[in-house]
Amino acid sequence: MPKKIPMRQCLGCREMKPKKELIRVVKSPEGEVSLDFKGKKPGRGAYVCPQAECLKRARKARALERAFSAPMPDGVYEALEDQMREGSDG
């Protein structure tokens, strides 16, 4: 019997994709928002495709605010874009 592949929905394009193909955005119990490339950080997770376009769409739709039920502090999206660029390089 084949192993079940966990699927998650991207906040930007709203497509269901395998969890491994997406980047997890995590809000820690302390309220800090960051990218989680390994998928192991504690906290509430939401998923975005590794394309900057999906992050832009999620920002426009205020998808992270809804996913975390909290307003996003200034600079969070810029920091996520920077982390995404660094993470995709390495």
PDB file of N, CA and C in Angstrom:
ATOM      1  N   MET A   1       0.846  -1.189   0.000  1.00  0.00           N
ATOM      2  CA  MET A   1       0.000   0.000   0.000  1.00  0.00           C
ATOM      3  C   MET A   1       0.889   1.248   0.000  1.00  0.00           C
ATOM      4  N   PRO A   2       0.670   2.176  -0.954  1.00  0.00           N
ATOM      5  CA  PRO A   2       1.526   3.375  -1.019  1.00  0.00           C
ATOM      6  C   PRO A   2       1.312   4.274   0.191  1.00  0.00           C
ATOM      7  N   LYS A   3       2.399   4.959   0.561  1.00  0.00           N
ATOM      8  CA  LYS A   3       2.351   5.847   1.720  1.00  0.00           C
ATOM      9  C   LYS A   3       1.530   7.096   1.373  1.00  0.00           C
ATOM     10  N   LYS A   4       0.716   7.550   2.303  1.00  0.00           N
ATOM     11  CA  LYS A   4      -0.116   8.733   2.100  1.00  0.00           C
ATOM     12  C   LYS A   4       0.764   9.985   2.120  1.00  0.00           C
ATOM     13  N   ILE A   5       0.560  10.855   1.127  1.00  0.00           N
ATOM     14  CA  ILE A   5       1.327  12.098   1.055  1.00  0.00           C
ATOM     15  C   ILE A   5       0.499  13.219   1.683  1.00  0.00           C
ATOM     16  N   PRO A   6       1.036  13.871   2.743  1.00  0.00           N
ATOM     17  CA  PRO A   6       0.270  14.960   3.353  1.00  0.00           C
ATOM     18  C   PRO A   6       0.164  16.153   2.407  1.00  0.00           C
ATOM     19  N   MET A   7      -1.052  16.668   2.238  1.00  0.00           N
ATOM     20  CA  MET A   7      -1.300  17.797   1.348  1.00  0.00           C
ATOM     21  C   MET A   7      -1.636  19.039   2.179  1.00  0.00           C
ATOM     22  N   ARG A   8      -1.192  20.195   1.687  1.00  0.00           N
ATOM     23  CA  ARG A   8      -1.495  21.461   2.339  1.00  0.00           C
ATOM     24  C   ARG A   8      -1.878  22.471   1.262  1.00  0.00           C
ATOM     25  N   GLN A   9      -2.634  23.500   1.665  1.00  0.00           N
ATOM     26  CA  GLN A   9      -3.068  24.514   0.717  1.00  0.00           C
ATOM     27  C   GLN A   9      -2.178  25.750   0.816  1.00  0.00           C
ATOM     28  N   CYS A  10      -1.724  26.220  -0.337  1.00  0.00           N
ATOM     29  CA  CYS A  10      -0.931  27.450  -0.381  1.00  0.00           C
ATOM     30  C   CYS A  10      -1.847  28.644  -0.118  1.00  0.00           C
ATOM     31  N   LEU A  11      -1.394  29.572   0.729  1.00  0.00           N
ATOM     32  CA  LEU A  11      -2.199  30.758   1.032  1.00  0.00           C
ATOM     33  C   LEU A  11      -2.273  31.721  -0.148  1.00  0.00           C
ATOM     34  N   GLY A  12      -1.299  31.646  -1.065  1.00  0.00           N
ATOM     35  CA  GLY A  12      -1.282  32.566  -2.197  1.00  0.00           C
ATOM     36  C   GLY A  12      -2.156  32.106  -3.345  1.00  0.00           C
ATOM     37  N   CYS A  13      -1.829  30.944  -3.910  1.00  0.00           N
ATOM     38  CA  CYS A  13      -2.553  30.451  -5.091  1.00  0.00           C
ATOM     39  C   CYS A  13      -3.737  29.560  -4.722  1.00  0.00           C
ATOM     40  N   ARG A  14      -3.860  29.189  -3.433  1.00  0.00           N
ATOM     41  CA  ARG A  14      -4.965  28.383  -2.922  1.00  0.00           C
ATOM     42  C   ARG A  14      -5.004  26.971  -3.510  1.00  0.00           C
ATOM     43  N   GLU A  15      -3.871  26.489  -4.023  1.00  0.00           N
ATOM     44  CA  GLU A  15      -3.803  25.141  -4.580  1.00  0.00           C
ATOM     45  C   GLU A  15      -3.338  24.153  -3.522  1.00  0.00           C
ATOM     46  N   MET A  16      -3.888  22.943  -3.579  1.00  0.00           N
ATOM     47  CA  MET A  16      -3.444  21.873  -2.693  1.00  0.00           C
ATOM     48  C   MET A  16      -2.190  21.255  -3.290  1.00  0.00           C
ATOM     49  N   LYS A  17      -1.127  21.189  -2.495  1.00  0.00           N
ATOM     50  CA  LYS A  17       0.145  20.634  -2.965  1.00  0.00           C
ATOM     51  C   LYS A  17       0.740  19.766  -1.865  1.00  0.00           C
ATOM     52  N   PRO A  18       1.650  18.848  -2.253  1.00  0.00           N
ATOM     53  CA  PRO A  18       2.327  18.060  -1.213  1.00  0.00           C
ATOM     54  C   PRO A  18       3.061  18.975  -0.237  1.00  0.00           C
ATOM     55  N   LYS A  19       2.988  18.639   1.032  1.00  0.00           N
ATOM     56  CA  LYS A  19       3.575  19.454   2.101  1.00  0.00           C
ATOM     57  C   LYS A  19       5.053  19.759   1.858  1.00  0.00           C
ATOM     58  N   LYS A  20       5.795  18.788   1.320  1.00  0.00           N
ATOM     59  CA  LYS A  20       7.235  18.958   1.095  1.00  0.00           C
ATOM     60  C   LYS A  20       7.557  20.042   0.060  1.00  0.00           C
ATOM     61  N   GLU A  21       6.617  20.338  -0.851  1.00  0.00           N
ATOM     62  CA  GLU A  21       6.853  21.339  -1.892  1.00  0.00           C
ATOM     63  C   GLU A  21       6.609  22.763  -1.394  1.00  0.00           C
ATOM     64  N   LEU A  22       5.990  22.906  -0.226  1.00  0.00           N
ATOM     65  CA  LEU A  22       5.625  24.224   0.284  1.00  0.00           C
ATOM     66  C   LEU A  22       6.557  24.671   1.405  1.00  0.00           C
ATOM     67  N   ILE A  23       6.576  25.972   1.645  1.00  0.00           N
ATOM     68  CA  ILE A  23       7.344  26.540   2.752  1.00  0.00           C
ATOM     69  C   ILE A  23       6.357  26.857   3.863  1.00  0.00           C
ATOM     70  N   ARG A  24       6.687  26.457   5.076  1.00  0.00           N
ATOM     71  CA  ARG A  24       5.814  26.684   6.226  1.00  0.00           C
ATOM     72  C   ARG A  24       6.138  28.037   6.845  1.00  0.00           C
ATOM     73  N   VAL A  25       5.116  28.843   7.011  1.00  0.00           N
ATOM     74  CA  VAL A  25       5.241  30.096   7.756  1.00  0.00           C
ATOM     75  C   VAL A  25       4.702  29.772   9.135  1.00  0.00           C
ATOM     76  N   VAL A  26       5.494  30.025  10.169  1.00  0.00           N
ATOM     77  CA  VAL A  26       5.094  29.617  11.517  1.00  0.00           C
ATOM     78  C   VAL A  26       5.015  30.817  12.451  1.00  0.00           C
ATOM     79  N   LYS A  27       3.963  30.816  13.278  1.00  0.00           N
ATOM     80  CA  LYS A  27       3.848  31.818  14.336  1.00  0.00           C
ATOM     81  C   LYS A  27       4.130  31.087  15.636  1.00  0.00           C
ATOM     82  N   SER A  28       5.241  31.439  16.267  1.00  0.00           N
ATOM     83  CA  SER A  28       5.663  30.761  17.496  1.00  0.00           C
ATOM     84  C   SER A  28       4.719  31.113  18.643  1.00  0.00           C
ATOM     85  N   PRO A  29       4.753  30.336  19.713  1.00  0.00           N
ATOM     86  CA  PRO A  29       3.921  30.667  20.885  1.00  0.00           C
ATOM     87  C   PRO A  29       4.202  32.074  21.435  1.00  0.00           C
ATOM     88  N   GLU A  30       5.403  32.594  21.177  1.00  0.00           N
ATOM     89  CA  GLU A  30       5.756  33.951  21.629  1.00  0.00           C
ATOM     90  C   GLU A  30       5.206  35.012  20.689  1.00  0.00           C
ATOM     91  N   GLY A  31       4.670  34.594  19.526  1.00  0.00           N
ATOM     92  CA  GLY A  31       4.092  35.541  18.579  1.00  0.00           C
ATOM     93  C   GLY A  31       5.024  35.940  17.451  1.00  0.00           C
ATOM     94  N   GLU A  32       6.203  35.330  17.374  1.00  0.00           N
ATOM     95  CA  GLU A  32       7.166  35.658  16.327  1.00  0.00           C
ATOM     96  C   GLU A  32       6.828  34.892  15.048  1.00  0.00           C
ATOM     97  N   VAL A  33       6.836  35.571  13.904  1.00  0.00           N
ATOM     98  CA  VAL A  33       6.520  34.939  12.619  1.00  0.00           C
ATOM     99  C   VAL A  33       7.804  34.740  11.835  1.00  0.00           C
ATOM    100  N   SER A  34       8.024  33.512  11.330  1.00  0.00           N
ATOM    101  CA  SER A  34       9.220  33.226  10.539  1.00  0.00           C
ATOM    102  C   SER A  34       8.938  32.084   9.570  1.00  0.00           C
ATOM    103  N   LEU A  35       9.887  31.865   8.656  1.00  0.00           N
ATOM    104  CA  LEU A  35       9.773  30.753   7.721  1.00  0.00           C
ATOM    105  C   LEU A  35      10.403  29.518   8.340  1.00  0.00           C
ATOM    106  N   ASP A  36       9.793  28.389   8.082  1.00  0.00           N
ATOM    107  CA  ASP A  36      10.259  27.119   8.638  1.00  0.00           C
ATOM    108  C   ASP A  36      10.478  26.160   7.477  1.00  0.00           C
ATOM    109  N   PHE A  37      11.729  26.057   7.006  1.00  0.00           N
ATOM    110  CA  PHE A  37      12.022  25.220   5.845  1.00  0.00           C
ATOM    111  C   PHE A  37      12.005  23.736   6.182  1.00  0.00           C
ATOM    112  N   LYS A  38      12.247  23.390   7.441  1.00  0.00           N
ATOM    113  CA  LYS A  38      12.279  21.982   7.849  1.00  0.00           C
ATOM    114  C   LYS A  38      10.908  21.470   8.289  1.00  0.00           C
ATOM    115  N   GLY A  39      10.005  22.386   8.668  1.00  0.00           N
ATOM    116  CA  GLY A  39       8.675  21.990   9.109  1.00  0.00           C
ATOM    117  C   GLY A  39       8.638  21.464  10.526  1.00  0.00           C
ATOM    118  N   LYS A  40       9.624  21.830  11.349  1.00  0.00           N
ATOM    119  CA  LYS A  40       9.732  21.282  12.704  1.00  0.00           C
ATOM    120  C   LYS A  40       9.534  22.309  13.821  1.00  0.00           C
ATOM    121  N   LYS A  41       9.502  23.595  13.481  1.00  0.00           N
ATOM    122  CA  LYS A  41       9.388  24.616  14.530  1.00  0.00           C
ATOM    123  C   LYS A  41       8.034  24.518  15.221  1.00  0.00           C
ATOM    124  N   PRO A  42       8.014  24.788  16.538  1.00  0.00           N
ATOM    125  CA  PRO A  42       6.733  24.754  17.254  1.00  0.00           C
ATOM    126  C   PRO A  42       5.899  25.990  16.922  1.00  0.00           C
ATOM    127  N   GLY A  43       4.595  25.824  16.920  1.00  0.00           N
ATOM    128  CA  GLY A  43       3.708  26.957  16.689  1.00  0.00           C
ATOM    129  C   GLY A  43       2.694  26.668  15.602  1.00  0.00           C
ATOM    130  N   ARG A  44       1.898  27.658  15.300  1.00  0.00           N
ATOM    131  CA  ARG A  44       0.839  27.553  14.295  1.00  0.00           C
ATOM    132  C   ARG A  44       1.455  27.725  12.926  1.00  0.00           C
ATOM    133  N   GLY A  45       1.164  26.807  12.021  1.00  0.00           N
ATOM    134  CA  GLY A  45       1.754  26.860  10.691  1.00  0.00           C
ATOM    135  C   GLY A  45       0.756  27.189   9.603  1.00  0.00           C
ATOM    136  N   ALA A  46       1.256  27.870   8.574  1.00  0.00           N
ATOM    137  CA  ALA A  46       0.498  28.127   7.359  1.00  0.00           C
ATOM    138  C   ALA A  46       1.486  27.906   6.219  1.00  0.00           C
ATOM    139  N   TYR A  47       1.000  27.582   5.052  1.00  0.00           N
ATOM    140  CA  TYR A  47       1.892  27.176   3.972  1.00  0.00           C
ATOM    141  C   TYR A  47       1.802  28.097   2.763  1.00  0.00           C
ATOM    142  N   VAL A  48       2.965  28.318   2.121  1.00  0.00           N
ATOM    143  CA  VAL A  48       3.061  29.157   0.932  1.00  0.00           C
ATOM    144  C   VAL A  48       3.987  28.464  -0.063  1.00  0.00           C
ATOM    145  N   CYS A  49       3.673  28.593  -1.358  1.00  0.00           N
ATOM    146  CA  CYS A  49       4.561  28.064  -2.402  1.00  0.00           C
ATOM    147  C   CYS A  49       5.895  28.807  -2.332  1.00  0.00           C
ATOM    148  N   PRO A  50       6.976  28.188  -2.823  1.00  0.00           N
ATOM    149  CA  PRO A  50       8.280  28.871  -2.758  1.00  0.00           C
ATOM    150  C   PRO A  50       8.438  30.029  -3.743  1.00  0.00           C
ATOM    151  N   GLN A  51       7.396  30.430  -4.436  1.00  0.00           N
ATOM    152  CA  GLN A  51       7.478  31.569  -5.354  1.00  0.00           C
ATOM    153  C   GLN A  51       7.105  32.863  -4.628  1.00  0.00           C
ATOM    154  N   ALA A  52       7.819  33.928  -4.957  1.00  0.00           N
ATOM    155  CA  ALA A  52       7.545  35.233  -4.352  1.00  0.00           C
ATOM    156  C   ALA A  52       6.141  35.708  -4.724  1.00  0.00           C
ATOM    157  N   GLU A  53       5.652  35.307  -5.904  1.00  0.00           N
ATOM    158  CA  GLU A  53       4.319  35.706  -6.367  1.00  0.00           C
ATOM    159  C   GLU A  53       3.231  35.232  -5.397  1.00  0.00           C
ATOM    160  N   CYS A  54       3.379  34.011  -4.884  1.00  0.00           N
ATOM    161  CA  CYS A  54       2.389  33.482  -3.941  1.00  0.00           C
ATOM    162  C   CYS A  54       2.413  34.267  -2.632  1.00  0.00           C
ATOM    163  N   LEU A  55       3.593  34.660  -2.198  1.00  0.00           N
ATOM    164  CA  LEU A  55       3.701  35.457  -0.976  1.00  0.00           C
ATOM    165  C   LEU A  55       3.031  36.820  -1.181  1.00  0.00           C
ATOM    166  N   LYS A  56       3.205  37.407  -2.378  1.00  0.00           N
ATOM    167  CA  LYS A  56       2.564  38.692  -2.688  1.00  0.00           C
ATOM    168  C   LYS A  56       1.040  38.558  -2.653  1.00  0.00           C
ATOM    169  N   ARG A  57       0.534  37.466  -3.243  1.00  0.00           N
ATOM    170  CA  ARG A  57      -0.916  37.243  -3.247  1.00  0.00           C
ATOM    171  C   ARG A  57      -1.443  37.049  -1.832  1.00  0.00           C
ATOM    172  N   ALA A  58      -0.705  36.279  -1.022  1.00  0.00           N
ATOM    173  CA  ALA A  58      -1.118  36.038   0.361  1.00  0.00           C
ATOM    174  C   ALA A  58      -1.140  37.362   1.131  1.00  0.00           C
ATOM    175  N   ARG A  59      -0.180  38.225   0.830  1.00  0.00           N
ATOM    176  CA  ARG A  59      -0.112  39.536   1.500  1.00  0.00           C
ATOM    177  C   ARG A  59      -1.309  40.398   1.109  1.00  0.00           C
ATOM    178  N   LYS A  60      -1.617  40.428  -0.187  1.00  0.00           N
ATOM    179  CA  LYS A  60      -2.727  41.241  -0.684  1.00  0.00           C
ATOM    180  C   LYS A  60      -4.056  40.768  -0.093  1.00  0.00           C
ATOM    181  N   ALA A  61      -4.223  39.449   0.029  1.00  0.00           N
ATOM    182  CA  ALA A  61      -5.465  38.880   0.548  1.00  0.00           C
ATOM    183  C   ALA A  61      -5.489  38.842   2.079  1.00  0.00           C
ATOM    184  N   ARG A  62      -4.417  39.289   2.711  1.00  0.00           N
ATOM    185  CA  ARG A  62      -4.270  39.265   4.171  1.00  0.00           C
ATOM    186  C   ARG A  62      -4.479  37.850   4.713  1.00  0.00           C
ATOM    187  N   ALA A  63      -3.967  36.871   3.976  1.00  0.00           N
ATOM    188  CA  ALA A  63      -4.166  35.461   4.319  1.00  0.00           C
ATOM    189  C   ALA A  63      -3.452  35.070   5.613  1.00  0.00           C
ATOM    190  N   LEU A  64      -2.253  35.616   5.851  1.00  0.00           N
ATOM    191  CA  LEU A  64      -1.537  35.282   7.089  1.00  0.00           C
ATOM    192  C   LEU A  64      -2.263  35.825   8.312  1.00  0.00           C
ATOM    193  N   GLU A  65      -2.830  37.015   8.179  1.00  0.00           N
ATOM    194  CA  GLU A  65      -3.578  37.584   9.296  1.00  0.00           C
ATOM    195  C   GLU A  65      -4.741  36.658   9.667  1.00  0.00           C
ATOM    196  N   ARG A  66      -5.442  36.144   8.646  1.00  0.00           N
ATOM    197  CA  ARG A  66      -6.566  35.238   8.897  1.00  0.00           C
ATOM    198  C   ARG A  66      -6.085  33.902   9.452  1.00  0.00           C
ATOM    199  N   ALA A  67      -4.997  33.379   8.891  1.00  0.00           N
ATOM    200  CA  ALA A  67      -4.497  32.071   9.323  1.00  0.00           C
ATOM    201  C   ALA A  67      -4.050  32.098  10.787  1.00  0.00           C
ATOM    202  N   PHE A  68      -3.443  33.201  11.203  1.00  0.00           N
ATOM    203  CA  PHE A  68      -2.930  33.295  12.569  1.00  0.00           C
ATOM    204  C   PHE A  68      -3.862  34.056  13.503  1.00  0.00           C
ATOM    205  N   SER A  69      -4.993  34.531  12.997  1.00  0.00           N
ATOM    206  CA  SER A  69      -5.968  35.294  13.794  1.00  0.00           C
ATOM    207  C   SER A  69      -5.296  36.432  14.559  1.00  0.00           C
ATOM    208  N   ALA A  70      -4.376  37.111  13.891  1.00  0.00           N
ATOM    209  CA  ALA A  70      -3.661  38.217  14.536  1.00  0.00           C
ATOM    210  C   ALA A  70      -3.152  39.172  13.467  1.00  0.00           C
ATOM    211  N   PRO A  71      -3.056  40.469  13.792  1.00  0.00           N
ATOM    212  CA  PRO A  71      -2.494  41.408  12.817  1.00  0.00           C
ATOM    213  C   PRO A  71      -1.000  41.142  12.630  1.00  0.00           C
ATOM    214  N   MET A  72      -0.517  41.299  11.409  1.00  0.00           N
ATOM    215  CA  MET A  72       0.906  41.093  11.126  1.00  0.00           C
ATOM    216  C   MET A  72       1.663  42.392  11.405  1.00  0.00           C
ATOM    217  N   PRO A  73       2.723  42.327  12.207  1.00  0.00           N
ATOM    218  CA  PRO A  73       3.523  43.535  12.462  1.00  0.00           C
ATOM    219  C   PRO A  73       4.192  44.037  11.179  1.00  0.00           C
ATOM    220  N   ASP A  74       4.520  45.319  11.162  1.00  0.00           N
ATOM    221  CA  ASP A  74       5.199  45.899  10.001  1.00  0.00           C
ATOM    222  C   ASP A  74       6.504  45.171   9.748  1.00  0.00           C
ATOM    223  N   GLY A  75       6.827  44.961   8.483  1.00  0.00           N
ATOM    224  CA  GLY A  75       8.100  44.353   8.130  1.00  0.00           C
ATOM    225  C   GLY A  75       8.089  42.833   8.091  1.00  0.00           C
ATOM    226  N   VAL A  76       7.013  42.191   8.506  1.00  0.00           N
ATOM    227  CA  VAL A  76       6.986  40.726   8.509  1.00  0.00           C
ATOM    228  C   VAL A  76       7.085  40.181   7.088  1.00  0.00           C
ATOM    229  N   TYR A  77       6.294  40.752   6.170  1.00  0.00           N
ATOM    230  CA  TYR A  77       6.316  40.246   4.795  1.00  0.00           C
ATOM    231  C   TYR A  77       7.669  40.477   4.127  1.00  0.00           C
ATOM    232  N   GLU A  78       8.282  41.640   4.399  1.00  0.00           N
ATOM    233  CA  GLU A  78       9.609  41.909   3.841  1.00  0.00           C
ATOM    234  C   GLU A  78      10.620  40.902   4.373  1.00  0.00           C
ATOM    235  N   ALA A  79      10.541  40.625   5.670  1.00  0.00           N
ATOM    236  CA  ALA A  79      11.451  39.647   6.278  1.00  0.00           C
ATOM    237  C   ALA A  79      11.220  38.256   5.682  1.00  0.00           C
ATOM    238  N   LEU A  80       9.960  37.906   5.438  1.00  0.00           N
ATOM    239  CA  LEU A  80       9.651  36.607   4.840  1.00  0.00           C
ATOM    240  C   LEU A  80      10.196  36.523   3.417  1.00  0.00           C
ATOM    241  N   GLU A  81      10.068  37.623   2.657  1.00  0.00           N
ATOM    242  CA  GLU A  81      10.611  37.638   1.293  1.00  0.00           C
ATOM    243  C   GLU A  81      12.127  37.466   1.323  1.00  0.00           C
ATOM    244  N   ASP A  82      12.806  38.157   2.267  1.00  0.00           N
ATOM    245  CA  ASP A  82      14.259  38.022   2.398  1.00  0.00           C
ATOM    246  C   ASP A  82      14.639  36.590   2.766  1.00  0.00           C
ATOM    247  N   GLN A  83      13.923  36.003   3.741  1.00  0.00           N
ATOM    248  CA  GLN A  83      14.194  34.623   4.158  1.00  0.00           C
ATOM    249  C   GLN A  83      13.972  33.666   2.999  1.00  0.00           C
ATOM    250  N   MET A  84      12.939  33.932   2.185  1.00  0.00           N
ATOM    251  CA  MET A  84      12.627  33.061   1.051  1.00  0.00           C
ATOM    252  C   MET A  84      13.768  33.106   0.030  1.00  0.00           C
ATOM    253  N   ARG A  85      14.278  34.310  -0.223  1.00  0.00           N
ATOM    254  CA  ARG A  85      15.403  34.446  -1.174  1.00  0.00           C
ATOM    255  C   ARG A  85      16.629  33.715  -0.638  1.00  0.00           C
ATOM    256  N   GLU A  86      16.943  33.904   0.635  1.00  0.00           N
ATOM    257  CA  GLU A  86      18.117  33.248   1.241  1.00  0.00           C
ATOM    258  C   GLU A  86      17.936  31.739   1.271  1.00  0.00           C
ATOM    259  N   GLY A  87      16.745  31.300   1.637  1.00  0.00           N
ATOM    260  CA  GLY A  87      16.470  29.865   1.750  1.00  0.00           C
ATOM    261  C   GLY A  87      16.500  29.154   0.413  1.00  0.00           C
ATOM    262  N   SER A  88      16.055  29.850  -0.646  1.00  0.00           N
ATOM    263  CA  SER A  88      16.061  29.203  -1.966  1.00  0.00           C
ATOM    264  C   SER A  88      17.472  29.144  -2.541  1.00  0.00           C
ATOM    265  N   ASP A  89      18.358  30.044  -2.100  1.00  0.00           N
ATOM    266  CA  ASP A  89      19.753  30.007  -2.569  1.00  0.00           C
ATOM    267  C   ASP A  89      20.497  28.837  -1.938  1.00  0.00           C
ATOM    268  N   GLY A  90      20.231  28.605  -0.661  1.00  0.00           N
ATOM    269  CA  GLY A  90      20.991  27.594   0.051  1.00  0.00           C
ATOM    270  C   GLY A  90      20.186  26.425   0.277  1.00  0.00           C
TER     271      GLY A  90
END
